[in-house]
Amino acid sequence: MKFLSQAVKPRASVFDKARRDIVLDVTNLIEDKIQPEVFFAENYITHGMAHLYQAVMMRLEGKSDDGVYLLSQSMGGGKTHNLITLGLLARFPEYRDKVMGKVYSTSLTEPVKVIGFTGRENRPLESGAI
């Protein structure tokens, strides 16, 4: 059996002190603060992610009526990561084949307008407001 250090080689960015505290939010996507090339260079698509990406692309192509996807992972389970990934893939068609590769070959060639809402940025209603 190999030691972990023999089986896995962490990417250089893991050791970059300037990047240790970076946590992306959906707001970063909406405000165009994410560089797709950098974001996608550090991604690995799991089986669950592949299924979600295929389902969403099929919906955008008009090949599926499924329009609601329940992302039910617990804290740290990748919900925001998946939302950001899908938003970037929708906006930037040039990354679809590069990122999804064997997952799904979409016929969608145009950019898709992405809108978003995050509860973190929402202020509560004032007392008595409707």
C-alpha atoms as a PDB file:
ATOM      1  CA  MET A   1       0.000   0.000   0.000  1.00  0.00           C
ATOM      2  CA  LYS A   2       1.257   3.472  -0.904  1.00  0.00           C
ATOM      3  CA  PHE A   3       1.523   6.386   1.471  1.00  0.00           C
ATOM      4  CA  LEU A   4      -0.864   9.236   0.698  1.00  0.00           C
ATOM      5  CA  SER A   5       2.092  11.421  -0.299  1.00  0.00           C
ATOM      6  CA  GLN A   6       3.035   8.812  -2.915  1.00  0.00           C
ATOM      7  CA  ALA A   7      -0.468   8.441  -4.342  1.00  0.00           C
ATOM      8  CA  VAL A   8      -1.539  12.102  -4.489  1.00  0.00           C
ATOM      9  CA  LYS A   9       0.260  15.243  -5.595  1.00  0.00           C
ATOM     10  CA  PRO A  10      -1.542  18.435  -4.504  1.00  0.00           C
ATOM     11  CA  ARG A  11      -1.676  21.242  -7.035  1.00  0.00           C
ATOM     12  CA  ALA A  12       0.588  24.234  -6.342  1.00  0.00           C
ATOM     13  CA  SER A  13      -2.330  26.561  -5.522  1.00  0.00           C
ATOM     14  CA  VAL A  14      -3.044  24.520  -2.376  1.00  0.00           C
ATOM     15  CA  PHE A  15       0.138  25.931  -0.881  1.00  0.00           C
ATOM     16  CA  ASP A  16      -0.397  29.523  -2.095  1.00  0.00           C
ATOM     17  CA  LYS A  17      -0.919  31.599   1.071  1.00  0.00           C
ATOM     18  CA  ALA A  18      -2.648  34.346  -0.943  1.00  0.00           C
ATOM     19  CA  ARG A  19      -5.411  31.905  -1.938  1.00  0.00           C
ATOM     20  CA  ARG A  20      -6.059  30.149   1.359  1.00  0.00           C
ATOM     21  CA  ASP A  21      -8.928  32.376   2.427  1.00  0.00           C
ATOM     22  CA  ILE A  22     -10.702  32.549  -0.929  1.00  0.00           C
ATOM     23  CA  VAL A  23     -14.260  31.291  -0.717  1.00  0.00           C
ATOM     24  CA  LEU A  24     -16.401  31.937  -3.767  1.00  0.00           C
ATOM     25  CA  ASP A  25     -20.039  32.917  -3.573  1.00  0.00           C
ATOM     26  CA  VAL A  26     -22.794  33.123  -6.184  1.00  0.00           C
ATOM     27  CA  THR A  27     -22.383  36.917  -5.949  1.00  0.00           C
ATOM     28  CA  ASN A  28     -18.861  36.512  -7.404  1.00  0.00           C
ATOM     29  CA  LEU A  29     -20.420  34.819 -10.442  1.00  0.00           C
ATOM     30  CA  ILE A  30     -23.089  37.473 -10.952  1.00  0.00           C
ATOM     31  CA  GLU A  31     -20.546  40.299 -10.581  1.00  0.00           C
ATOM     32  CA  ASP A  32     -18.117  38.666 -13.087  1.00  0.00           C
ATOM     33  CA  LYS A  33     -15.395  38.250 -10.474  1.00  0.00           C
ATOM     34  CA  ILE A  34     -14.491  34.668 -11.424  1.00  0.00           C
ATOM     35  CA  GLN A  35     -11.987  33.864 -14.154  1.00  0.00           C
ATOM     36  CA  PRO A  36     -13.336  30.724 -15.867  1.00  0.00           C
ATOM     37  CA  GLU A  37      -9.911  29.489 -17.005  1.00  0.00           C
ATOM     38  CA  VAL A  38      -8.534  29.614 -13.446  1.00  0.00           C
ATOM     39  CA  PHE A  39     -11.715  28.210 -11.893  1.00  0.00           C
ATOM     40  CA  PHE A  40     -11.977  25.266 -14.278  1.00  0.00           C
ATOM     41  CA  ALA A  41      -8.266  24.444 -14.075  1.00  0.00           C
ATOM     42  CA  GLU A  42      -8.822  23.356 -10.473  1.00  0.00           C
ATOM     43  CA  ASN A  43     -11.963  21.291 -10.921  1.00  0.00           C
ATOM     44  CA  TYR A  44     -12.623  17.597 -10.911  1.00  0.00           C
ATOM     45  CA  ILE A  45     -16.065  16.452 -12.025  1.00  0.00           C
ATOM     46  CA  THR A  46     -17.570  13.768  -9.814  1.00  0.00           C
ATOM     47  CA  HIS A  47     -20.317  11.374 -10.914  1.00  0.00           C
ATOM     48  CA  GLY A  48     -22.981  13.489  -9.175  1.00  0.00           C
ATOM     49  CA  MET A  49     -21.702  16.676 -10.784  1.00  0.00           C
ATOM     50  CA  ALA A  50     -21.683  15.032 -14.210  1.00  0.00           C
ATOM     51  CA  HIS A  51     -25.316  14.016 -13.797  1.00  0.00           C
ATOM     52  CA  LEU A  52     -26.315  17.550 -12.753  1.00  0.00           C
ATOM     53  CA  TYR A  53     -24.403  19.227 -15.598  1.00  0.00           C
ATOM     54  CA  GLN A  54     -25.957  16.902 -18.170  1.00  0.00           C
ATOM     55  CA  ALA A  55     -29.466  17.478 -16.783  1.00  0.00           C
ATOM     56  CA  VAL A  56     -29.080  21.267 -16.777  1.00  0.00           C
ATOM     57  CA  MET A  57     -27.601  21.390 -20.283  1.00  0.00           C
ATOM     58  CA  MET A  58     -30.456  19.230 -21.576  1.00  0.00           C
ATOM     59  CA  ARG A  59     -32.907  21.686 -20.010  1.00  0.00           C
ATOM     60  CA  LEU A  60     -31.154  24.656 -21.614  1.00  0.00           C
ATOM     61  CA  GLU A  61     -31.263  22.859 -24.972  1.00  0.00           C
ATOM     62  CA  GLY A  62     -34.998  22.266 -24.603  1.00  0.00           C
ATOM     63  CA  LYS A  63     -34.520  18.473 -24.462  1.00  0.00           C
ATOM     64  CA  SER A  64     -35.904  18.124 -20.929  1.00  0.00           C
ATOM     65  CA  ASP A  65     -38.801  19.529 -18.940  1.00  0.00           C
ATOM     66  CA  ASP A  66     -36.949  19.169 -15.644  1.00  0.00           C
ATOM     67  CA  GLY A  67     -36.490  22.680 -14.327  1.00  0.00           C
ATOM     68  CA  VAL A  68     -35.923  22.255 -10.608  1.00  0.00           C
ATOM     69  CA  TYR A  69     -32.890  20.496  -9.151  1.00  0.00           C
ATOM     70  CA  LEU A  70     -32.626  19.838  -5.437  1.00  0.00           C
ATOM     71  CA  LEU A  71     -29.030  20.218  -4.280  1.00  0.00           C
ATOM     72  CA  SER A  72     -29.223  18.529  -0.917  1.00  0.00           C
ATOM     73  CA  GLN A  73     -25.615  18.137   0.200  1.00  0.00           C
ATOM     74  CA  SER A  74     -24.807  19.231   3.734  1.00  0.00           C
ATOM     75  CA  MET A  75     -22.552  22.191   4.490  1.00  0.00           C
ATOM     76  CA  GLY A  76     -19.409  21.958   2.394  1.00  0.00           C
ATOM     77  CA  GLY A  77     -21.053  19.554  -0.018  1.00  0.00           C
ATOM     78  CA  GLY A  78     -20.448  21.591  -3.160  1.00  0.00           C
ATOM     79  CA  LYS A  79     -23.799  23.291  -3.815  1.00  0.00           C
ATOM     80  CA  THR A  80     -22.293  26.721  -4.433  1.00  0.00           C
ATOM     81  CA  HIS A  81     -19.473  25.180  -6.458  1.00  0.00           C
ATOM     82  CA  ASN A  82     -21.999  23.466  -8.734  1.00  0.00           C
ATOM     83  CA  LEU A  83     -24.048  26.655  -9.135  1.00  0.00           C
ATOM     84  CA  ILE A  84     -20.944  28.641 -10.069  1.00  0.00           C
ATOM     85  CA  THR A  85     -19.798  25.937 -12.494  1.00  0.00           C
ATOM     86  CA  LEU A  86     -23.180  25.827 -14.220  1.00  0.00           C
ATOM     87  CA  GLY A  87     -23.329  29.624 -14.389  1.00  0.00           C
ATOM     88  CA  LEU A  88     -19.894  29.776 -16.011  1.00  0.00           C
ATOM     89  CA  LEU A  89     -20.740  26.989 -18.459  1.00  0.00           C
ATOM     90  CA  ALA A  90     -23.959  28.773 -19.385  1.00  0.00           C
ATOM     91  CA  ARG A  91     -22.227  32.124 -19.914  1.00  0.00           C
ATOM     92  CA  PHE A  92     -19.116  30.883 -21.665  1.00  0.00           C
ATOM     93  CA  PRO A  93     -19.828  28.323 -24.406  1.00  0.00           C
ATOM     94  CA  GLU A  94     -16.112  28.008 -25.215  1.00  0.00           C
ATOM     95  CA  TYR A  95     -15.633  26.074 -21.938  1.00  0.00           C
ATOM     96  CA  ARG A  96     -18.452  23.557 -22.359  1.00  0.00           C
ATOM     97  CA  ASP A  97     -16.525  20.938 -24.328  1.00  0.00           C
ATOM     98  CA  LYS A  98     -13.308  21.557 -22.369  1.00  0.00           C
ATOM     99  CA  VAL A  99     -14.997  21.093 -19.006  1.00  0.00           C
ATOM    100  CA  MET A 100     -17.736  18.572 -19.673  1.00  0.00           C
ATOM    101  CA  GLY A 101     -15.735  16.524 -22.177  1.00  0.00           C
ATOM    102  CA  LYS A 102     -17.045  12.989 -21.893  1.00  0.00           C
ATOM    103  CA  VAL A 103     -19.871  14.012 -19.546  1.00  0.00           C
ATOM    104  CA  TYR A 104     -22.130  15.519 -22.185  1.00  0.00           C
ATOM    105  CA  SER A 105     -21.754  16.946 -25.658  1.00  0.00           C
ATOM    106  CA  THR A 106     -24.175  19.834 -25.838  1.00  0.00           C
ATOM    107  CA  SER A 107     -25.656  21.247 -29.006  1.00  0.00           C
ATOM    108  CA  LEU A 108     -26.030  24.597 -27.248  1.00  0.00           C
ATOM    109  CA  THR A 109     -23.531  26.976 -28.840  1.00  0.00           C
ATOM    110  CA  GLU A 110     -24.710  30.406 -27.689  1.00  0.00           C
ATOM    111  CA  PRO A 111     -24.086  32.083 -24.329  1.00  0.00           C
ATOM    112  CA  VAL A 112     -26.972  31.887 -21.866  1.00  0.00           C
ATOM    113  CA  LYS A 113     -27.931  34.886 -19.748  1.00  0.00           C
ATOM    114  CA  VAL A 114     -27.334  34.071 -16.086  1.00  0.00           C
ATOM    115  CA  ILE A 115     -29.161  35.719 -13.213  1.00  0.00           C
ATOM    116  CA  GLY A 116     -28.784  34.906  -9.575  1.00  0.00           C
ATOM    117  CA  PHE A 117     -29.916  35.560  -6.074  1.00  0.00           C
ATOM    118  CA  THR A 118     -28.149  34.849  -2.842  1.00  0.00           C
ATOM    119  CA  GLY A 119     -29.854  34.976   0.529  1.00  0.00           C
ATOM    120  CA  ARG A 120     -26.600  36.186   2.059  1.00  0.00           C
ATOM    121  CA  GLU A 121     -27.022  39.546   0.377  1.00  0.00           C
ATOM    122  CA  ASN A 122     -30.726  39.868   1.151  1.00  0.00           C
ATOM    123  CA  ARG A 123     -31.722  42.220   3.936  1.00  0.00           C
ATOM    124  CA  PRO A 124     -34.606  41.130   6.149  1.00  0.00           C
ATOM    125  CA  LEU A 125     -37.864  43.036   5.876  1.00  0.00           C
ATOM    126  CA  GLU A 126     -38.358  45.720   8.449  1.00  0.00           C
ATOM    127  CA  SER A 127     -40.849  45.062  11.178  1.00  0.00           C
ATOM    128  CA  GLY A 128     -44.413  45.552   9.918  1.00  0.00           C
ATOM    129  CA  ALA A 129     -43.420  45.451   6.228  1.00  0.00           C
ATOM    130  CA  ILE A 130     -45.442  43.324   3.863  1.00  0.00           C
END
